[in-house]
Protein backbone atom coordinates (compact mmCIF):
# COMPACT_ATOMS: atom_id res chain seq x y z
CA MET A 1 -91.83 -10.49 37.26
CA LYS A 2 -91.60 -9.31 33.78
CA ASP A 3 -89.91 -5.95 32.88
CA LYS A 4 -92.73 -3.87 31.42
CA ASN A 5 -89.78 -1.74 29.87
CA ALA A 6 -87.78 -4.41 28.25
CA ILE A 7 -87.90 -4.69 24.45
CA ALA A 8 -89.53 -7.98 23.34
CA PRO A 9 -92.13 -9.02 20.77
CA GLU A 10 -95.71 -9.60 21.60
CA ILE A 11 -95.34 -13.36 20.96
CA ARG A 12 -92.28 -15.28 22.09
CA PHE A 13 -91.25 -19.05 22.03
CA GLU A 14 -91.35 -20.65 25.95
CA GLY A 15 -88.35 -20.24 27.71
CA PHE A 16 -87.09 -16.83 26.10
CA THR A 17 -87.04 -14.03 28.65
CA ASP A 18 -84.02 -11.95 27.57
CA ALA A 19 -84.68 -8.29 26.32
CA TRP A 20 -83.98 -7.92 22.72
CA THR A 21 -81.51 -5.08 21.76
CA GLN A 22 -81.56 -2.51 19.21
CA ARG A 23 -78.74 -2.42 16.29
CA LYS A 24 -78.69 -1.29 13.08
CA LEU A 25 -78.93 -2.87 9.55
CA GLY A 26 -75.58 -2.26 8.88
CA ASP A 27 -74.22 -3.74 11.75
CA TYR A 28 -75.30 -7.31 10.16
CA PHE A 29 -76.01 -6.66 6.40
CA ILE A 30 -74.54 -4.81 3.34
CA ILE A 31 -76.10 -4.70 0.19
CA ILE A 32 -74.43 -5.33 -3.04
CA SER A 33 -75.83 -3.90 -6.16
CA GLY A 34 -75.83 -5.54 -9.40
CA TYR A 35 -73.68 -4.70 -12.46
CA ALA A 36 -74.97 -2.91 -15.48
CA PHE A 37 -74.08 -5.63 -17.99
CA LYS A 38 -74.54 -4.80 -21.62
CA MET A 39 -77.15 -5.97 -24.08
CA GLU A 40 -74.15 -6.38 -26.47
CA ASP A 41 -73.13 -9.35 -24.28
CA TYR A 42 -76.21 -11.35 -23.91
CA THR A 43 -75.90 -14.76 -25.53
CA LYS A 44 -79.05 -17.19 -26.40
CA THR A 45 -77.68 -19.43 -23.68
CA GLY A 46 -75.11 -19.44 -20.77
CA ILE A 47 -75.65 -17.87 -17.45
CA PRO A 48 -78.95 -16.53 -16.39
CA ILE A 49 -79.30 -13.28 -15.22
CA VAL A 50 -81.48 -11.99 -12.35
CA ASN A 51 -82.93 -8.51 -12.33
CA GLY A 52 -85.11 -6.37 -9.97
CA GLU A 53 -88.02 -7.57 -12.44
CA SER A 54 -87.73 -11.19 -11.78
CA ILE A 55 -87.28 -10.71 -7.92
CA GLN A 56 -90.95 -11.05 -6.57
CA HIS A 57 -92.07 -11.79 -3.22
CA GLY A 58 -90.37 -15.23 -2.05
CA VAL A 59 -89.90 -15.93 -5.48
CA ILE A 60 -87.51 -15.60 -8.72
CA ALA A 61 -90.16 -15.61 -11.45
CA SER A 62 -89.24 -15.07 -15.31
CA ASN A 63 -89.87 -17.00 -18.08
CA ASN A 64 -87.79 -14.89 -20.49
CA TRP A 65 -84.18 -15.44 -19.14
CA SER A 66 -81.56 -13.24 -20.48
CA TYR A 67 -78.00 -14.89 -20.72
CA LEU A 68 -74.18 -14.29 -20.33
CA PRO A 69 -71.08 -15.81 -21.41
CA VAL A 70 -69.83 -18.74 -19.32
CA GLU A 71 -66.85 -16.79 -18.74
CA PHE A 72 -68.77 -14.22 -17.07
CA GLN A 73 -68.70 -16.17 -14.16
CA ARG A 74 -65.11 -15.67 -13.40
CA LYS A 75 -64.77 -12.06 -14.88
CA TYR A 76 -67.61 -10.89 -12.57
CA SER A 77 -67.46 -12.99 -9.57
CA ALA A 78 -68.30 -10.04 -7.45
CA PHE A 79 -72.00 -10.35 -8.83
CA LEU A 80 -72.38 -14.37 -8.76
CA LEU A 81 -75.09 -15.71 -7.06
CA LYS A 82 -75.17 -18.91 -4.85
CA THR A 83 -78.08 -20.70 -3.61
CA ASP A 84 -79.93 -19.35 -0.78
CA ASP A 85 -78.53 -15.93 -1.28
CA ILE A 86 -81.14 -13.18 -0.46
CA VAL A 87 -81.57 -10.74 -3.09
CA LEU A 88 -83.93 -7.41 -3.10
CA GLY A 89 -85.30 -5.63 -6.11
CA LEU A 90 -83.96 -2.16 -5.33
CA ASN A 91 -86.17 -0.20 -7.67
CA ARG A 92 -90.00 -0.17 -7.09
CA PRO A 93 -89.32 -2.49 -4.06
CA ILE A 94 -93.00 -2.89 -3.13
CA THR A 95 -95.43 -4.23 -5.48
CA ASN A 96 -98.83 -5.19 -4.43
CA GLY A 97 -98.29 -4.59 -1.26
CA ASN A 98 -95.16 -7.06 -1.05
CA LEU A 99 -91.60 -6.47 -1.07
CA LYS A 100 -89.76 -7.89 -3.96
CA ILE A 101 -87.30 -9.89 -1.88
CA ALA A 102 -86.45 -13.73 -2.23
CA LYS A 103 -84.02 -16.51 -1.63
CA ILE A 104 -81.80 -18.07 -4.92
CA PRO A 105 -83.21 -21.54 -5.78
CA GLN A 106 -80.86 -24.03 -6.52
CA GLU A 107 -81.35 -23.99 -9.97
CA LEU A 108 -80.13 -20.54 -10.32
CA ASN A 109 -76.87 -21.13 -8.37
CA ASP A 110 -73.88 -19.36 -10.21
CA SER A 111 -76.47 -16.89 -12.14
CA LEU A 112 -75.51 -13.30 -12.01
CA LEU A 113 -76.79 -10.25 -10.52
CA TYR A 114 -77.99 -7.35 -12.77
CA GLN A 115 -78.22 -3.76 -11.79
CA ARG A 116 -81.13 -2.49 -9.62
CA ALA A 117 -81.34 -5.53 -8.26
CA GLY A 118 -78.96 -6.22 -4.87
CA LYS A 119 -77.67 -9.12 -2.65
CA ILE A 120 -77.65 -9.34 0.99
CA ASP A 121 -74.03 -9.97 2.51
CA TYR A 122 -73.17 -10.42 6.00
CA VAL A 123 -71.21 -8.19 8.04
CA GLN A 124 -70.92 -10.48 11.16
CA GLU A 125 -73.04 -13.76 12.46
CA ILE A 126 -76.61 -14.05 12.35
CA ASP A 127 -78.78 -17.00 11.91
CA LYS A 128 -79.49 -17.24 8.17
CA SER A 129 -83.26 -18.33 8.37
CA PHE A 130 -84.00 -15.61 10.77
CA SER A 131 -82.15 -13.06 8.73
CA TYR A 132 -84.34 -13.39 5.71
CA PHE A 133 -87.44 -12.81 7.74
CA VAL A 134 -85.96 -10.01 9.99
CA LEU A 135 -85.24 -8.33 6.44
CA GLU A 136 -88.48 -9.01 5.08
CA THR A 137 -90.03 -7.09 8.03
CA GLU A 138 -87.44 -4.37 8.45
CA VAL A 139 -86.61 -3.69 4.97
CA LYS A 140 -90.50 -3.05 4.09
CA LYS A 141 -90.67 -0.74 7.12
CA PHE A 142 -87.65 0.88 5.69
CA VAL A 143 -89.09 1.18 2.33
CA LEU A 144 -92.35 2.63 3.19
CA LYS A 145 -90.62 5.12 5.22
CA GLU A 146 -87.23 6.09 3.29
CA ALA A 147 -87.43 4.95 -0.34
CA VAL A 148 -86.22 7.53 -2.46
CA GLY A 149 -88.38 8.83 -5.38
CA SER A 150 -92.12 8.95 -5.96
CA ASP A 151 -92.64 7.66 -9.59
CA GLN A 152 -89.63 5.16 -9.43
CA PRO A 153 -88.67 4.80 -5.49
CA PHE A 154 -85.54 2.86 -5.02
CA ILE A 155 -83.45 1.91 -1.70
CA SER A 156 -80.58 3.99 -0.48
CA THR A 157 -77.79 1.49 0.64
CA THR A 158 -76.64 4.51 2.72
CA LYS A 159 -80.01 5.05 4.40
CA PHE A 160 -80.12 1.22 4.69
CA LYS A 161 -77.03 0.65 6.69
CA ASP A 162 -78.27 3.03 9.52
CA TRP A 163 -82.02 1.82 10.00
CA ASP A 164 -82.79 0.55 13.84
CA PHE A 165 -83.83 -2.60 14.04
CA ILE A 166 -84.54 -4.84 17.32
CA ILE A 167 -82.87 -8.06 17.46
CA PRO A 168 -82.90 -11.36 19.99
CA LYS A 169 -80.08 -13.39 20.90
CA LYS A 170 -78.50 -16.02 18.72
CA ASP A 171 -80.64 -18.97 20.26
CA GLU A 172 -83.92 -17.19 19.79
CA GLN A 173 -83.03 -15.94 16.32
CA THR A 174 -82.83 -19.99 15.28
CA ALA A 175 -86.20 -20.70 16.91
CA ILE A 176 -87.84 -17.81 14.92
CA GLY A 177 -86.02 -18.63 11.65
CA THR A 178 -87.10 -22.16 12.10
CA PHE A 179 -90.56 -21.64 12.70
CA PHE A 180 -90.71 -19.17 9.65
CA ARG A 181 -88.94 -21.57 7.38
CA THR A 182 -91.44 -24.17 8.31
CA LEU A 183 -94.47 -21.90 7.43
CA ASP A 184 -92.65 -21.03 4.42
CA ASN A 185 -91.70 -24.59 2.97
CA ALA A 186 -95.94 -25.18 3.77
CA ILE A 187 -96.58 -22.24 1.37
CA HIS A 188 -94.18 -23.41 -1.52
CA SER A 189 -95.77 -27.05 -1.35
CA HIS A 190 -99.22 -25.67 -1.63
CA GLN A 191 -97.79 -23.48 -4.27
CA GLN A 192 -96.28 -26.26 -6.23
CA LYS A 193 -99.56 -28.09 -5.99
CA LEU A 194 -101.45 -24.84 -7.61
CA ASN A 195 -98.91 -24.79 -10.09
CA HIS A 196 -99.78 -28.36 -11.08
CA LEU A 197 -103.37 -27.83 -11.17
CA ARG A 198 -103.26 -24.51 -13.51
CA GLU A 199 -100.83 -26.81 -15.76
CA LEU A 200 -103.25 -29.41 -15.60
CA LYS A 201 -106.16 -27.49 -16.57
CA LYS A 202 -104.10 -25.97 -19.43
CA GLY A 203 -103.37 -29.18 -20.83
CA TYR A 204 -106.70 -30.26 -20.45
CA LEU A 205 -108.06 -27.46 -22.60
CA GLN A 206 -105.70 -28.33 -25.38
CA VAL A 207 -106.87 -31.98 -25.72
CA MET A 208 -110.89 -31.68 -24.58
CA PHE A 209 -111.12 -28.89 -27.40
CA PRO A 210 -110.74 -29.89 -30.98
CA GLN A 211 -107.81 -28.04 -32.51
CA GLU A 212 -107.76 -26.02 -35.69
CA GLY A 213 -109.29 -28.36 -38.77
CA GLU A 214 -110.29 -31.21 -36.08
CA ALA A 215 -113.96 -32.23 -35.57
CA VAL A 216 -113.19 -34.32 -32.37
CA PRO A 217 -111.12 -33.36 -29.44
CA LYS A 218 -108.20 -35.81 -28.85
CA LEU A 219 -109.20 -36.72 -25.31
CA ARG A 220 -113.41 -37.36 -24.90
CA PHE A 221 -115.31 -38.85 -21.90
CA GLU A 222 -116.60 -42.19 -22.23
CA GLY A 223 -120.10 -42.81 -23.90
CA PHE A 224 -119.70 -39.91 -26.54
CA ASP A 225 -118.69 -40.27 -30.24
CA GLY A 226 -119.74 -38.44 -33.61
CA ASP A 227 -118.34 -35.20 -34.92
CA TRP A 228 -118.72 -32.01 -33.19
CA HIS A 229 -120.51 -29.55 -35.19
CA PRO A 230 -119.39 -26.01 -36.57
CA VAL A 231 -121.22 -23.02 -34.91
CA LYS A 232 -120.48 -19.17 -34.82
CA PHE A 233 -119.97 -17.90 -31.63
CA ALA A 234 -122.91 -15.27 -31.77
CA THR A 235 -124.84 -18.45 -32.20
CA LEU A 236 -124.06 -20.04 -28.80
CA VAL A 237 -124.43 -16.89 -26.52
CA SER A 238 -126.42 -13.50 -26.74
CA ARG A 239 -125.01 -10.15 -25.22
CA ASN A 240 -126.98 -8.82 -22.60
CA SER A 241 -127.82 -5.18 -23.04
CA LYS A 242 -130.28 -4.34 -20.35
CA THR A 243 -128.64 -1.78 -17.68
CA SER A 244 -129.62 -0.91 -14.02
CA ASP A 245 -128.25 1.36 -11.48
CA ASP A 246 -130.15 -0.13 -8.64
CA GLU A 247 -127.97 0.19 -5.50
CA ALA A 248 -130.06 -2.94 -3.88
CA MET A 249 -127.84 -5.10 -6.71
CA PRO A 250 -123.88 -5.90 -6.36
CA ARG A 251 -121.56 -4.62 -8.43
CA VAL A 252 -118.63 -6.58 -10.27
CA GLU A 253 -115.94 -4.24 -11.33
CA PHE A 254 -112.71 -5.38 -12.99
CA GLU A 255 -110.59 -4.91 -10.07
CA ASP A 256 -112.93 -7.33 -8.42
CA ILE A 257 -111.99 -10.26 -10.27
CA ILE A 258 -108.71 -12.25 -9.76
CA SER A 259 -106.93 -12.35 -13.06
CA GLY A 260 -107.16 -15.91 -14.79
CA PHE A 261 -108.78 -17.48 -11.67
CA GLY A 262 -112.37 -16.14 -12.33
CA ARG A 263 -113.38 -15.32 -8.83
CA LEU A 264 -113.70 -12.61 -6.73
CA ASN A 265 -110.83 -10.80 -4.26
CA LYS A 266 -113.49 -9.13 -2.39
CA ASP A 267 -117.33 -9.26 -0.57
CA ILE A 268 -119.09 -7.21 -3.34
CA TYR A 269 -122.04 -6.96 -1.17
CA ALA A 270 -120.01 -4.73 1.23
CA LYS A 271 -119.63 -1.99 -1.49
CA ILE A 272 -121.84 0.81 -1.56
CA SER A 273 -122.27 2.17 -5.31
CA GLY A 274 -124.68 3.54 -7.45
CA LYS A 275 -122.60 3.03 -10.85
CA LYS A 276 -124.82 2.18 -13.98
CA GLY A 277 -124.19 -1.24 -15.62
CA ILE A 278 -125.03 -4.42 -17.43
CA ILE A 279 -127.53 -6.72 -15.42
CA PHE A 280 -126.15 -10.08 -15.47
CA GLU A 281 -127.78 -13.50 -14.10
CA VAL A 282 -126.81 -16.88 -12.67
CA GLY A 283 -125.28 -18.78 -15.37
CA ASP A 284 -124.23 -15.68 -17.30
CA ILE A 285 -120.64 -15.13 -17.95
CA LEU A 286 -118.50 -11.89 -17.84
CA PHE A 287 -115.76 -11.40 -20.02
CA GLY A 288 -113.65 -8.29 -19.84
CA LYS A 289 -112.95 -6.72 -23.09
CA LEU A 290 -110.44 -4.34 -22.15
CA ARG A 291 -107.11 -5.66 -22.37
CA PRO A 292 -108.32 -9.23 -22.77
CA TYR A 293 -105.19 -10.76 -22.37
CA LEU A 294 -105.78 -10.07 -18.60
CA LYS A 295 -108.04 -12.74 -18.31
CA ASN A 296 -110.98 -10.86 -16.18
CA TRP A 297 -113.80 -13.61 -16.64
CA LEU A 298 -116.61 -14.82 -14.09
CA LEU A 299 -119.19 -17.43 -14.31
CA ALA A 300 -121.84 -15.63 -12.12
CA ASP A 301 -123.69 -17.49 -9.51
CA PHE A 302 -125.83 -14.60 -8.40
CA THR A 303 -127.41 -11.87 -10.17
CA GLY A 304 -125.91 -8.28 -10.08
CA ILE A 305 -124.40 -5.34 -12.19
CA ALA A 306 -121.36 -5.59 -14.53
CA VAL A 307 -119.50 -2.05 -14.17
CA GLY A 308 -116.94 -1.31 -16.80
CA ASP A 309 -116.02 -2.92 -20.19
CA PHE A 310 -117.48 -5.93 -19.95
CA TRP A 311 -119.39 -8.36 -22.00
CA VAL A 312 -122.03 -10.21 -20.31
CA LEU A 313 -122.60 -13.24 -22.44
CA HIS A 314 -125.98 -15.64 -22.07
CA PRO A 315 -125.78 -18.93 -23.29
CA ASN A 316 -128.34 -19.76 -25.85
CA LYS A 317 -129.84 -23.22 -25.26
CA THR A 318 -126.00 -23.99 -24.37
CA ASP A 319 -124.36 -25.26 -21.34
CA SER A 320 -122.81 -22.06 -19.54
CA LYS A 321 -120.12 -24.05 -17.61
CA PHE A 322 -119.19 -25.55 -21.39
CA ILE A 323 -118.98 -21.73 -22.69
CA TYR A 324 -117.22 -20.66 -19.70
CA ALA A 325 -114.60 -23.14 -20.20
CA LEU A 326 -114.36 -22.43 -23.90
CA ILE A 327 -113.69 -18.69 -23.66
CA GLN A 328 -110.67 -20.03 -21.77
CA GLU A 329 -109.63 -21.89 -25.05
CA ASP A 330 -106.81 -20.93 -27.43
CA THR A 331 -108.98 -20.44 -30.25
CA PHE A 332 -111.21 -18.02 -28.44
CA GLN A 333 -108.30 -16.86 -26.74
CA THR A 334 -106.47 -15.66 -30.17
CA ALA A 335 -109.89 -14.24 -31.47
CA ALA A 336 -110.60 -12.18 -28.59
CA ASN A 337 -106.93 -10.66 -28.47
CA LEU A 338 -107.29 -9.55 -32.18
CA SER A 339 -108.36 -6.25 -30.68
CA THR A 340 -108.42 -2.78 -31.67
CA GLY A 341 -106.53 -0.01 -29.92
CA THR A 342 -103.13 -0.02 -29.05
CA LYS A 343 -102.92 1.78 -25.53
CA MET A 344 -106.44 0.39 -24.50
CA PRO A 345 -107.17 -2.43 -26.20
CA ARG A 346 -110.54 -4.08 -26.55
CA SER A 347 -111.90 -7.27 -28.08
CA ASP A 348 -113.59 -6.36 -31.00
CA TRP A 349 -117.27 -8.33 -30.69
CA ASN A 350 -117.66 -8.27 -34.73
CA VAL A 351 -114.41 -10.76 -34.82
CA VAL A 352 -115.64 -12.78 -31.66
CA SER A 353 -118.94 -13.34 -32.75
CA GLU A 354 -118.01 -14.42 -36.57
CA THR A 355 -115.44 -16.67 -35.17
CA GLU A 356 -116.81 -20.46 -35.81
CA PHE A 357 -116.21 -22.95 -33.00
CA VAL A 358 -116.94 -26.66 -33.55
CA VAL A 359 -118.92 -27.80 -30.24
CA PRO A 360 -120.71 -31.28 -29.09
CA PHE A 361 -124.68 -31.55 -28.28
CA ILE A 362 -125.50 -30.40 -24.92
CA GLU A 363 -125.24 -33.58 -22.77
CA GLU A 364 -121.43 -33.74 -23.71
CA GLN A 365 -121.08 -30.03 -23.42
CA ALA A 366 -122.45 -30.52 -20.01
CA THR A 367 -120.04 -33.16 -19.10
CA ILE A 368 -117.42 -31.07 -20.33
CA GLY A 369 -118.25 -27.98 -18.17
CA THR A 370 -118.82 -29.71 -15.00
CA PHE A 371 -115.23 -31.38 -15.46
CA PHE A 372 -113.87 -27.76 -15.77
CA CYS A 373 -115.83 -26.25 -13.07
CA LYS A 374 -114.60 -29.11 -10.64
CA LEU A 375 -111.15 -28.33 -11.36
CA ASP A 376 -111.76 -24.72 -10.99
CA ASN A 377 -112.88 -25.43 -7.74
CA ALA A 378 -109.71 -27.44 -6.46
CA ILE A 379 -107.59 -24.54 -7.77
CA VAL A 380 -109.54 -21.96 -5.69
CA MET A 381 -109.42 -24.63 -2.80
CA GLN A 382 -105.65 -24.48 -3.21
CA GLN A 383 -105.25 -20.82 -3.68
CA THR A 384 -107.37 -20.22 -0.57
CA LYS A 385 -104.78 -22.49 1.46
CA ILE A 386 -101.99 -20.14 0.41
CA ASP A 387 -104.04 -17.20 1.09
CA GLN A 388 -104.62 -18.16 4.41
CA LEU A 389 -101.04 -19.37 5.20
CA GLN A 390 -99.97 -16.23 3.87
CA LEU A 391 -102.51 -14.28 6.31
CA LEU A 392 -100.95 -16.57 9.07
CA LYS A 393 -97.61 -15.56 8.20
CA ALA A 394 -98.15 -11.73 8.10
CA ALA A 395 -99.91 -12.27 11.64
CA TYR A 396 -97.15 -14.04 12.96
CA LEU A 397 -94.23 -11.21 11.51
CA GLN A 398 -96.29 -8.81 13.16
CA LYS A 399 -96.45 -10.31 16.75
CA MET A 400 -93.31 -11.96 16.63
CA PHE A 401 -91.05 -8.77 15.65
CA VAL A 402 -90.47 -5.54 17.13
């Protein structure tokens, strides 16, 4: 008969019945903080620096690496990172609800750790895969309760050592670690597919729209020929201005759109609001003119109200899917980002409306628009798979750890 007082998670693998035991994080882990390298030591190439900003949930992400001389690997060997080392962002350790924790990928082997980031080292033996996931759960709990500072919260390594957590025996650690590693590998695989699709779309936007000084694109669908014709953007679309505060109509606000994806992140029909905004209809395009670099755009497949700094664009005898692709293309993005204001920049309609684009006849517009719409749908489907796996992982983390 199961002991109701035994410490154990809600879900366990078959064959494991021993109670988990309470220990302190400091019994198994120690945080080694990074080093405050000097700016004057930075080089254009050399050894990349991993800092707290580059550490995200599950990945090390940076397109703008800073580098140090190769000889610093020996001079600062205590701060050298190896493949699969676990690192934490110590300042503002939780962003968008996720802990800034990741493993060092192979391509960053022998990189150096900067201040405000920490490397997890081991005090005694623990299954390495299990350790990552126990840290992912326990450090988040610790941060939410103990992180110091309100504006710039950070992890206190002293308090970290004294944090209580519950741990199973080694064989159960291995089983749990293997399970979550398999789940993470599936997430990583889908993320790679998503990245490929987004890069593919970026490439197609460059070759399926004419570049500056060109009259035809580099890549064209079979059956279409002849030059595209120049026209100002204000000829292609009209800006809707009719407003409403009808509570029965769904509202779209900036925070409802996933930046760059052109999809909603919530059920807007569940929102109750009387906010006034601009009416949009099926086929209209919402373009976020505030901070246009955030890429808040949406091709509407329902009627609603756009609340906030949106342009609601209605195609004028043009294909709406084509216009939606056009606003994502480099020429439009350049014009839209010639914005007014510094702290709160907004796209300038006088600039954008007068910007000239070369466009094809409606039949070719429709073909191009449909192509990009299908590509967008594939991207959304891939992101949905990732979201579902992330939710599944979060549920298992909650039920398979005490």
